[in-house]
């Protein structure tokens, strides 16, 4: 549980910690199939307290 106001990042169903300034430098942009932003009720309903500040859901092309 974090006291920051950063959103939760989820890549292919796995919560990940972003780098400085929210970067995901290890993720190749060409591999991204979709990005979904969940906020308010939707994020907390699915991810609980961890999603209280919103959730960035990233699916890569290989995950489908």
C-alpha atoms as a PDB file:
ATOM      1  CA  UNK A   1       0.000   0.000   0.000  1.00  0.00           C
ATOM      2  CA  UNK A   2       1.389   3.362  -1.004  1.00  0.00           C
ATOM      3  CA  UNK A   3       0.552   6.790   0.355  1.00  0.00           C
ATOM      4  CA  UNK A   4       1.365   8.483  -2.950  1.00  0.00           C
ATOM      5  CA  UNK A   5      -1.239   9.817  -5.323  1.00  0.00           C
ATOM      6  CA  UNK A   6       0.131   7.794  -8.248  1.00  0.00           C
ATOM      7  CA  UNK A   7      -2.142   5.398 -10.124  1.00  0.00           C
ATOM      8  CA  UNK A   8      -1.637   1.659 -10.091  1.00  0.00           C
ATOM      9  CA  UNK A   9       0.005   0.336 -13.263  1.00  0.00           C
ATOM     10  CA  UNK A  10      -1.036  -3.119 -14.476  1.00  0.00           C
ATOM     11  CA  UNK A  11       0.717  -4.725 -17.451  1.00  0.00           C
ATOM     12  CA  UNK A  12      -0.821  -7.945 -18.768  1.00  0.00           C
ATOM     13  CA  UNK A  13      -2.607  -8.509 -15.470  1.00  0.00           C
ATOM     14  CA  UNK A  14       0.447  -7.924 -13.262  1.00  0.00           C
ATOM     15  CA  UNK A  15       0.822  -4.850 -11.044  1.00  0.00           C
ATOM     16  CA  UNK A  16       4.148  -3.138 -11.761  1.00  0.00           C
ATOM     17  CA  UNK A  17       6.076  -0.312 -10.142  1.00  0.00           C
ATOM     18  CA  UNK A  18       6.850   2.528 -12.542  1.00  0.00           C
ATOM     19  CA  UNK A  19      10.228   4.201 -12.597  1.00  0.00           C
ATOM     20  CA  UNK A  20      10.854   7.894 -11.919  1.00  0.00           C
ATOM     21  CA  UNK A  21       8.026  10.148 -13.134  1.00  0.00           C
ATOM     22  CA  UNK A  22       5.845   7.135 -13.912  1.00  0.00           C
ATOM     23  CA  UNK A  23       8.098   5.740 -16.627  1.00  0.00           C
ATOM     24  CA  UNK A  24       7.907   2.170 -17.869  1.00  0.00           C
ATOM     25  CA  UNK A  25      11.193   2.308 -19.764  1.00  0.00           C
ATOM     26  CA  UNK A  26      11.402  -1.492 -20.070  1.00  0.00           C
ATOM     27  CA  UNK A  27       8.138  -1.592 -22.046  1.00  0.00           C
ATOM     28  CA  UNK A  28       8.541  -1.304 -25.813  1.00  0.00           C
ATOM     29  CA  UNK A  29       5.814   1.023 -27.145  1.00  0.00           C
ATOM     30  CA  UNK A  30       5.537  -1.116 -30.287  1.00  0.00           C
ATOM     31  CA  UNK A  31       4.452  -4.072 -28.124  1.00  0.00           C
ATOM     32  CA  UNK A  32       1.477  -2.215 -26.621  1.00  0.00           C
ATOM     33  CA  UNK A  33      -1.898  -3.408 -27.927  1.00  0.00           C
ATOM     34  CA  UNK A  34      -4.111  -1.258 -25.690  1.00  0.00           C
ATOM     35  CA  UNK A  35      -4.115   1.138 -22.760  1.00  0.00           C
ATOM     36  CA  UNK A  36      -7.164   1.586 -20.568  1.00  0.00           C
ATOM     37  CA  UNK A  37      -7.578   4.160 -17.818  1.00  0.00           C
ATOM     38  CA  UNK A  38      -9.846   3.176 -14.939  1.00  0.00           C
ATOM     39  CA  UNK A  39     -10.871   5.801 -12.443  1.00  0.00           C
ATOM     40  CA  UNK A  40     -13.051   6.184  -9.403  1.00  0.00           C
ATOM     41  CA  UNK A  41     -15.475   3.323  -8.751  1.00  0.00           C
ATOM     42  CA  UNK A  42     -14.297   1.026 -11.530  1.00  0.00           C
ATOM     43  CA  UNK A  43     -10.702   0.941 -10.342  1.00  0.00           C
ATOM     44  CA  UNK A  44     -11.499   0.399  -6.687  1.00  0.00           C
ATOM     45  CA  UNK A  45     -14.103  -2.256  -7.457  1.00  0.00           C
ATOM     46  CA  UNK A  46     -11.552  -4.307  -9.395  1.00  0.00           C
ATOM     47  CA  UNK A  47      -8.256  -3.502  -7.635  1.00  0.00           C
ATOM     48  CA  UNK A  48      -9.377  -2.443  -4.155  1.00  0.00           C
ATOM     49  CA  UNK A  49      -7.400   0.109  -2.166  1.00  0.00           C
ATOM     50  CA  UNK A  50      -4.426  -0.224  -4.523  1.00  0.00           C
ATOM     51  CA  UNK A  51      -6.566   1.268  -7.305  1.00  0.00           C
ATOM     52  CA  UNK A  52      -7.901   4.175  -5.254  1.00  0.00           C
ATOM     53  CA  UNK A  53      -5.921   6.705  -7.338  1.00  0.00           C
ATOM     54  CA  UNK A  54      -6.909   5.109 -10.632  1.00  0.00           C
ATOM     55  CA  UNK A  55      -5.440   2.276 -12.652  1.00  0.00           C
ATOM     56  CA  UNK A  56      -3.547   2.293 -15.941  1.00  0.00           C
ATOM     57  CA  UNK A  57      -4.153  -1.100 -17.588  1.00  0.00           C
ATOM     58  CA  UNK A  58      -1.731  -1.937 -20.401  1.00  0.00           C
ATOM     59  CA  UNK A  59      -2.122  -5.019 -22.578  1.00  0.00           C
ATOM     60  CA  UNK A  60       0.677  -6.087 -24.860  1.00  0.00           C
ATOM     61  CA  UNK A  61       0.232  -7.703 -28.245  1.00  0.00           C
ATOM     62  CA  UNK A  62       1.412 -11.084 -26.948  1.00  0.00           C
ATOM     63  CA  UNK A  63      -1.152 -11.182 -24.125  1.00  0.00           C
ATOM     64  CA  UNK A  64      -4.270 -11.743 -26.254  1.00  0.00           C
END
